Structure formats: C-alpha cells, structure tokens
Amino acid sequence: MSIKVILLAAGLSKRMGGINKLLTPVNGKPLILYSVENALSYSNSVYVVTGHEREKVENILSSYPVNIIYNQAYHEGQETSLKTALNAVDGPLIVMPSDMPFITKTDFERCEKELDGYECARAFYNREAGHPVALSRSFVEIYRSDTTHRVRTLSKLVSHNFYIAGPASIMDVDTQDDLKKAETLLKGENMK
C-alpha cells in the first residue's frame, strides 16, 4: 500500500542565477520529472504544488497523472507551499521538494514504513535533516488547527521517528554545481 505524495515545486530557485531549476534539462529531461516519475512509481496519488512560473511547470506535467495545487503566496517561502498543500490534502502523506531526483520508490516505501506508530517520520543523513518526510492523518489535522507552529517545529512536538537514511535524502539541486553533479550521477557516473 502506498500513501499520497506531495511534491513542492513553487519556489523561486534564487540560487540558480535567474533560471527555474525545475525546468532545467538534466540529461535531456526537466529536473522536476525525475521526482515526479519516482513519486508515481510509488503512489498513484501524487500532488504537485506550483507557484513560480506556474504555467511552464504545469505544461511540463500535463501528460502525467498528477494533481496540481497552486500556491499563490509562493514568493513568501516554502512554508506557504506546505500550508497550501496540507490544507488541501488529508494525511497520511509524504512530502518533499521536487528538486531531489535521487529519492526513489524504495525511499518512499521506507519513509511510509517508518511512519508506523508515529505522527511524523523524517529521513536524516549525517545528522542533517533530509527528505522524504511522512505525516500522519492526525499530524495534518493538528497542523491545520495550529496557527503558531511551522511543520518543522510541530514535527518535534508530536511523536516522531527521525530515522537514518542514505545520502539521497539530502541531495537536492540548489546551485549550478549541484545541477552538474546531478547530471553526472543520473548518467550513472561517479561524482567527483
């Protein structure tokens, strides 16, 4: 059994020098499609939160069976995308940024398993918080009624399972150098 997946794809890509990283081709395919295809290999209920360059992102996604959620406050930061998504989708669910092309079906399955008996499960690698993050139905309900805490803060206040995962859990694409490394790794070559 798989649970819903929310991919956050509304950001401004500020560290990429004016280009939308999610639209950037990596080995001939827009970066966002790696996360979308990996999420769809795990779940048939995938939601993508759009914002910046919404029309371009949604156009790329038009042939994929995903649900689109538009965050009109995307310019205010990632928490607004989380809030928009969690107000629209009931838990349990898994959430992650869509600039993480190395998170696979196996990672989603592990995260779902780690949620069992907890309100929140989050991957960690080398003491660094990573993704994916799984949230229970009751966590989503608590978040909706709690106007004072961000998701990250609330996840520490409820029963949580911060589990050790592999390096993919912290490998996002934020810079041009990250993009080059991702291209190399996605070709199957060793990263230098």
C-alpha atoms as a PDB file:
ATOM      1  CA  MET A   1       0.000   0.000   0.000  1.00  0.00           C
ATOM      2  CA  SER A   2       1.243   3.493  -0.751  1.00  0.00           C
ATOM      3  CA  ILE A   3       0.196   6.845   0.641  1.00  0.00           C
ATOM      4  CA  LYS A   4      -0.166  10.222  -1.064  1.00  0.00           C
ATOM      5  CA  VAL A   5       2.910  12.184  -2.132  1.00  0.00           C
ATOM      6  CA  ILE A   6       3.185  15.968  -2.228  1.00  0.00           C
ATOM      7  CA  LEU A   7       5.993  17.470  -4.285  1.00  0.00           C
ATOM      8  CA  LEU A   8       6.836  21.108  -3.627  1.00  0.00           C
ATOM      9  CA  ALA A   9       7.547  22.885  -6.914  1.00  0.00           C
ATOM     10  CA  ALA A  10       6.617  26.524  -6.276  1.00  0.00           C
ATOM     11  CA  GLY A  11       9.966  28.078  -5.355  1.00  0.00           C
ATOM     12  CA  LEU A  12      11.883  30.890  -6.999  1.00  0.00           C
ATOM     13  CA  SER A  13      15.187  28.989  -7.495  1.00  0.00           C
ATOM     14  CA  LYS A  14      17.045  32.035  -6.131  1.00  0.00           C
ATOM     15  CA  ARG A  15      20.455  30.323  -6.001  1.00  0.00           C
ATOM     16  CA  MET A  16      20.320  29.282  -9.669  1.00  0.00           C
ATOM     17  CA  GLY A  17      21.116  32.678 -11.144  1.00  0.00           C
ATOM     18  CA  GLY A  18      17.700  33.566 -12.501  1.00  0.00           C
ATOM     19  CA  ILE A  19      16.639  30.258 -14.040  1.00  0.00           C
ATOM     20  CA  ASN A  20      13.955  27.914 -12.775  1.00  0.00           C
ATOM     21  CA  LYS A  21      15.939  24.812 -11.812  1.00  0.00           C
ATOM     22  CA  LEU A  22      12.893  22.564 -12.092  1.00  0.00           C
ATOM     23  CA  LEU A  23      12.579  23.363 -15.800  1.00  0.00           C
ATOM     24  CA  THR A  24      16.297  22.899 -16.475  1.00  0.00           C
ATOM     25  CA  PRO A  25      17.119  19.846 -18.585  1.00  0.00           C
ATOM     26  CA  VAL A  26      19.208  17.185 -16.867  1.00  0.00           C
ATOM     27  CA  ASN A  27      20.318  14.609 -19.409  1.00  0.00           C
ATOM     28  CA  GLY A  28      17.566  15.860 -21.717  1.00  0.00           C
ATOM     29  CA  LYS A  29      14.727  15.797 -19.183  1.00  0.00           C
ATOM     30  CA  PRO A  30      13.459  18.653 -16.972  1.00  0.00           C
ATOM     31  CA  LEU A  31      14.712  18.194 -13.405  1.00  0.00           C
ATOM     32  CA  ILE A  32      11.190  18.107 -11.941  1.00  0.00           C
ATOM     33  CA  LEU A  33      10.292  14.994 -13.946  1.00  0.00           C
ATOM     34  CA  TYR A  34      12.787  12.844 -12.043  1.00  0.00           C
ATOM     35  CA  SER A  35      10.929  13.487  -8.783  1.00  0.00           C
ATOM     36  CA  VAL A  36       7.513  13.182 -10.426  1.00  0.00           C
ATOM     37  CA  GLU A  37       8.339   9.855 -12.077  1.00  0.00           C
ATOM     38  CA  ASN A  38       9.894   8.478  -8.886  1.00  0.00           C
ATOM     39  CA  ALA A  39       6.832   9.539  -6.867  1.00  0.00           C
ATOM     40  CA  LEU A  40       4.475   7.971  -9.435  1.00  0.00           C
ATOM     41  CA  SER A  41       6.433   4.715  -9.276  1.00  0.00           C
ATOM     42  CA  TYR A  42       5.451   4.601  -5.598  1.00  0.00           C
ATOM     43  CA  SER A  43       1.973   6.196  -5.441  1.00  0.00           C
ATOM     44  CA  ASN A  44      -0.944   6.749  -7.779  1.00  0.00           C
ATOM     45  CA  SER A  45      -1.914   9.824  -5.754  1.00  0.00           C
ATOM     46  CA  VAL A  46       0.724  12.491  -6.389  1.00  0.00           C
ATOM     47  CA  TYR A  47       0.172  16.221  -5.851  1.00  0.00           C
ATOM     48  CA  VAL A  48       2.479  18.951  -7.138  1.00  0.00           C
ATOM     49  CA  VAL A  49       2.398  22.400  -5.550  1.00  0.00           C
ATOM     50  CA  THR A  50       3.177  25.030  -8.179  1.00  0.00           C
ATOM     51  CA  GLY A  51       3.835  28.753  -7.929  1.00  0.00           C
ATOM     52  CA  HIS A  52       6.768  30.424  -9.689  1.00  0.00           C
ATOM     53  CA  GLU A  53       6.431  30.025 -13.464  1.00  0.00           C
ATOM     54  CA  ARG A  54       3.294  28.033 -12.822  1.00  0.00           C
ATOM     55  CA  GLU A  55       2.226  27.751 -16.467  1.00  0.00           C
ATOM     56  CA  LYS A  56       5.596  26.378 -17.608  1.00  0.00           C
ATOM     57  CA  VAL A  57       5.757  23.833 -14.778  1.00  0.00           C
ATOM     58  CA  GLU A  58       2.167  22.714 -15.284  1.00  0.00           C
ATOM     59  CA  ASN A  59       2.731  22.415 -19.031  1.00  0.00           C
ATOM     60  CA  ILE A  60       5.633  20.006 -18.426  1.00  0.00           C
ATOM     61  CA  LEU A  61       3.424  17.995 -16.066  1.00  0.00           C
ATOM     62  CA  SER A  62       0.386  17.923 -18.378  1.00  0.00           C
ATOM     63  CA  SER A  63       0.977  14.363 -19.593  1.00  0.00           C
ATOM     64  CA  TYR A  64       1.493  12.970 -16.072  1.00  0.00           C
ATOM     65  CA  PRO A  65      -1.351  11.775 -13.816  1.00  0.00           C
ATOM     66  CA  VAL A  66      -0.661  14.291 -11.040  1.00  0.00           C
ATOM     67  CA  ASN A  67      -2.918  16.680  -9.162  1.00  0.00           C
ATOM     68  CA  ILE A  68      -1.916  20.340  -9.251  1.00  0.00           C
ATOM     69  CA  ILE A  69      -2.226  22.632  -6.233  1.00  0.00           C
ATOM     70  CA  TYR A  70      -1.432  26.288  -6.863  1.00  0.00           C
ATOM     71  CA  ASN A  71       0.198  28.312  -4.086  1.00  0.00           C
ATOM     72  CA  GLN A  72      -0.443  31.949  -4.866  1.00  0.00           C
ATOM     73  CA  ALA A  73       1.753  33.016  -1.912  1.00  0.00           C
ATOM     74  CA  TYR A  74       4.786  31.073  -3.245  1.00  0.00           C
ATOM     75  CA  HIS A  75       7.016  34.161  -3.112  1.00  0.00           C
ATOM     76  CA  GLU A  76       6.697  34.089   0.709  1.00  0.00           C
ATOM     77  CA  GLY A  77       8.608  30.809   1.031  1.00  0.00           C
ATOM     78  CA  GLN A  78       8.319  27.046   1.226  1.00  0.00           C
ATOM     79  CA  GLU A  79       6.191  27.009   4.362  1.00  0.00           C
ATOM     80  CA  THR A  80       3.364  28.621   2.364  1.00  0.00           C
ATOM     81  CA  SER A  81       3.508  25.717  -0.086  1.00  0.00           C
ATOM     82  CA  LEU A  82       3.354  23.242   2.780  1.00  0.00           C
ATOM     83  CA  LYS A  83       0.413  25.093   4.301  1.00  0.00           C
ATOM     84  CA  THR A  84      -1.425  25.243   0.974  1.00  0.00           C
ATOM     85  CA  ALA A  85      -0.872  21.514   0.392  1.00  0.00           C
ATOM     86  CA  LEU A  86      -1.745  20.376   3.910  1.00  0.00           C
ATOM     87  CA  ASN A  87      -4.941  22.404   3.821  1.00  0.00           C
ATOM     88  CA  ALA A  88      -5.907  20.666   0.564  1.00  0.00           C
ATOM     89  CA  VAL A  89      -4.787  17.059   1.150  1.00  0.00           C
ATOM     90  CA  ASP A  90      -5.582  14.769   4.074  1.00  0.00           C
ATOM     91  CA  GLY A  91      -2.891  12.575   5.595  1.00  0.00           C
ATOM     92  CA  PRO A  92      -1.238  10.224   5.751  1.00  0.00           C
ATOM     93  CA  LEU A  93       1.124  11.600   3.148  1.00  0.00           C
ATOM     94  CA  ILE A  94       4.730  12.053   2.202  1.00  0.00           C
ATOM     95  CA  VAL A  95       6.133  15.454   1.313  1.00  0.00           C
ATOM     96  CA  MET A  96       9.386  16.570  -0.281  1.00  0.00           C
ATOM     97  CA  PRO A  97      10.827  19.256  -2.537  1.00  0.00           C
ATOM     98  CA  SER A  98      10.763  18.372  -6.226  1.00  0.00           C
ATOM     99  CA  ASP A  99      14.462  19.172  -6.700  1.00  0.00           C
ATOM    100  CA  MET A 100      15.530  15.825  -5.231  1.00  0.00           C
ATOM    101  CA  PRO A 101      15.938  13.481  -8.199  1.00  0.00           C
ATOM    102  CA  PHE A 102      17.620  10.710  -6.210  1.00  0.00           C
ATOM    103  CA  ILE A 103      14.675   9.895  -3.919  1.00  0.00           C
ATOM    104  CA  THR A 104      13.344   6.593  -5.267  1.00  0.00           C
ATOM    105  CA  LYS A 105      10.368   4.312  -4.768  1.00  0.00           C
ATOM    106  CA  THR A 106      12.417   2.455  -2.147  1.00  0.00           C
ATOM    107  CA  ASP A 107      12.948   5.700  -0.198  1.00  0.00           C
ATOM    108  CA  PHE A 108       9.209   6.444  -0.263  1.00  0.00           C
ATOM    109  CA  GLU A 109       8.408   2.907   0.900  1.00  0.00           C
ATOM    110  CA  ARG A 110      10.921   3.174   3.733  1.00  0.00           C
ATOM    111  CA  CYS A 111       9.531   6.533   4.849  1.00  0.00           C
ATOM    112  CA  GLU A 112       5.989   5.165   4.892  1.00  0.00           C
ATOM    113  CA  LYS A 113       7.143   2.178   6.950  1.00  0.00           C
ATOM    114  CA  GLU A 114       8.980   4.449   9.406  1.00  0.00           C
ATOM    115  CA  LEU A 115       5.756   6.427   9.969  1.00  0.00           C
ATOM    116  CA  ASP A 116       4.047   3.384  11.506  1.00  0.00           C
ATOM    117  CA  GLY A 117       3.162   4.259  15.118  1.00  0.00           C
ATOM    118  CA  TYR A 118       4.270   7.896  14.834  1.00  0.00           C
ATOM    119  CA  GLU A 119       2.805  11.251  13.800  1.00  0.00           C
ATOM    120  CA  CYS A 120       5.863  12.152  11.729  1.00  0.00           C
ATOM    121  CA  ALA A 121       8.812  10.326  10.148  1.00  0.00           C
ATOM    122  CA  ARG A 122      11.790  12.147   8.657  1.00  0.00           C
ATOM    123  CA  ALA A 123      14.936  10.939   6.960  1.00  0.00           C
ATOM    124  CA  PHE A 124      18.293  12.061   8.347  1.00  0.00           C
ATOM    125  CA  TYR A 125      21.784  11.588   6.968  1.00  0.00           C
ATOM    126  CA  ASN A 126      24.984  12.586   8.801  1.00  0.00           C
ATOM    127  CA  ARG A 127      22.878  14.418  11.402  1.00  0.00           C
ATOM    128  CA  GLU A 128      21.297  16.568   8.697  1.00  0.00           C
ATOM    129  CA  ALA A 129      17.521  16.641   8.280  1.00  0.00           C
ATOM    130  CA  GLY A 130      16.504  15.382   4.879  1.00  0.00           C
ATOM    131  CA  HIS A 131      13.617  14.022   2.857  1.00  0.00           C
ATOM    132  CA  PRO A 132      11.209  12.483   2.403  1.00  0.00           C
ATOM    133  CA  VAL A 133       9.011  13.387   5.365  1.00  0.00           C
ATOM    134  CA  ALA A 134       5.884  11.376   6.189  1.00  0.00           C
ATOM    135  CA  LEU A 135       2.984  12.901   8.110  1.00  0.00           C
ATOM    136  CA  SER A 136       0.078  11.021   9.658  1.00  0.00           C
ATOM    137  CA  ARG A 137      -3.571  11.945   9.256  1.00  0.00           C
ATOM    138  CA  SER A 138      -3.662  13.329  12.792  1.00  0.00           C
ATOM    139  CA  PHE A 139      -0.489  15.385  12.206  1.00  0.00           C
ATOM    140  CA  VAL A 140      -2.165  17.084   9.239  1.00  0.00           C
ATOM    141  CA  GLU A 141      -5.277  17.756  11.361  1.00  0.00           C
ATOM    142  CA  ILE A 142      -3.160  19.196  14.192  1.00  0.00           C
ATOM    143  CA  TYR A 143      -1.244  21.390  11.732  1.00  0.00           C
ATOM    144  CA  ARG A 144      -4.483  22.757  10.267  1.00  0.00           C
ATOM    145  CA  SER A 145      -5.733  23.815  13.686  1.00  0.00           C
ATOM    146  CA  ASP A 146      -2.373  25.106  14.990  1.00  0.00           C
ATOM    147  CA  THR A 147      -1.644  28.586  13.667  1.00  0.00           C
ATOM    148  CA  THR A 148       1.550  29.106  15.675  1.00  0.00           C
ATOM    149  CA  HIS A 149       3.914  26.325  14.539  1.00  0.00           C
ATOM    150  CA  ARG A 150       5.688  25.581  11.287  1.00  0.00           C
ATOM    151  CA  VAL A 151       5.756  21.960  10.082  1.00  0.00           C
ATOM    152  CA  ARG A 152       9.393  21.519  11.160  1.00  0.00           C
ATOM    153  CA  THR A 153       8.688  22.789  14.690  1.00  0.00           C
ATOM    154  CA  LEU A 154       5.460  20.839  15.073  1.00  0.00           C
ATOM    155  CA  SER A 155       7.169  17.634  13.926  1.00  0.00           C
ATOM    156  CA  LYS A 156       9.418  17.829  17.003  1.00  0.00           C
ATOM    157  CA  LEU A 157       6.463  18.321  19.361  1.00  0.00           C
ATOM    158  CA  VAL A 158       4.496  15.236  18.304  1.00  0.00           C
ATOM    159  CA  SER A 159       5.549  11.585  18.336  1.00  0.00           C
ATOM    160  CA  HIS A 160       8.225  11.382  15.684  1.00  0.00           C
ATOM    161  CA  ASN A 161      10.681   8.974  14.162  1.00  0.00           C
ATOM    162  CA  PHE A 162      13.794  10.623  12.788  1.00  0.00           C
ATOM    163  CA  TYR A 163      15.464   7.707  11.023  1.00  0.00           C
ATOM    164  CA  ILE A 164      18.861   7.257   9.399  1.00  0.00           C
ATOM    165  CA  ALA A 165      18.671   7.196   5.607  1.00  0.00           C
ATOM    166  CA  GLY A 166      21.141   7.318   2.745  1.00  0.00           C
ATOM    167  CA  PRO A 167      22.823  10.320   1.132  1.00  0.00           C
ATOM    168  CA  ALA A 168      19.986  10.782  -1.391  1.00  0.00           C
ATOM    169  CA  SER A 169      17.900  12.198   1.465  1.00  0.00           C
ATOM    170  CA  ILE A 170      19.978  15.388   1.487  1.00  0.00           C
ATOM    171  CA  MET A 171      20.923  15.603  -2.196  1.00  0.00           C
ATOM    172  CA  ASP A 172      18.883  18.444  -3.611  1.00  0.00           C
ATOM    173  CA  VAL A 173      19.702  20.701  -6.541  1.00  0.00           C
ATOM    174  CA  ASP A 174      20.100  24.333  -5.479  1.00  0.00           C
ATOM    175  CA  THR A 175      23.063  25.623  -7.500  1.00  0.00           C
ATOM    176  CA  GLN A 176      24.665  25.223 -10.927  1.00  0.00           C
ATOM    177  CA  ASP A 177      27.292  22.956  -9.319  1.00  0.00           C
ATOM    178  CA  ASP A 178      24.534  20.781  -7.836  1.00  0.00           C
ATOM    179  CA  LEU A 179      22.960  20.587 -11.278  1.00  0.00           C
ATOM    180  CA  LYS A 180      26.234  19.382 -12.833  1.00  0.00           C
ATOM    181  CA  LYS A 181      26.680  16.757 -10.099  1.00  0.00           C
ATOM    182  CA  ALA A 182      23.100  15.564 -10.571  1.00  0.00           C
ATOM    183  CA  GLU A 183      23.615  15.240 -14.302  1.00  0.00           C
ATOM    184  CA  THR A 184      26.743  13.159 -13.735  1.00  0.00           C
ATOM    185  CA  LEU A 185      25.104  10.915 -11.144  1.00  0.00           C
ATOM    186  CA  LEU A 186      21.936  10.449 -13.149  1.00  0.00           C
ATOM    187  CA  LYS A 187      24.093   9.253 -16.047  1.00  0.00           C
ATOM    188  CA  GLY A 188      25.398   6.567 -13.677  1.00  0.00           C
ATOM    189  CA  GLU A 189      28.882   8.005 -13.389  1.00  0.00           C
ATOM    190  CA  ASN A 190      30.776   8.608 -10.149  1.00  0.00           C
ATOM    191  CA  MET A 191      30.575  12.062  -8.628  1.00  0.00           C
ATOM    192  CA  LYS A 192      33.999  13.700  -8.227  1.00  0.00           C
END
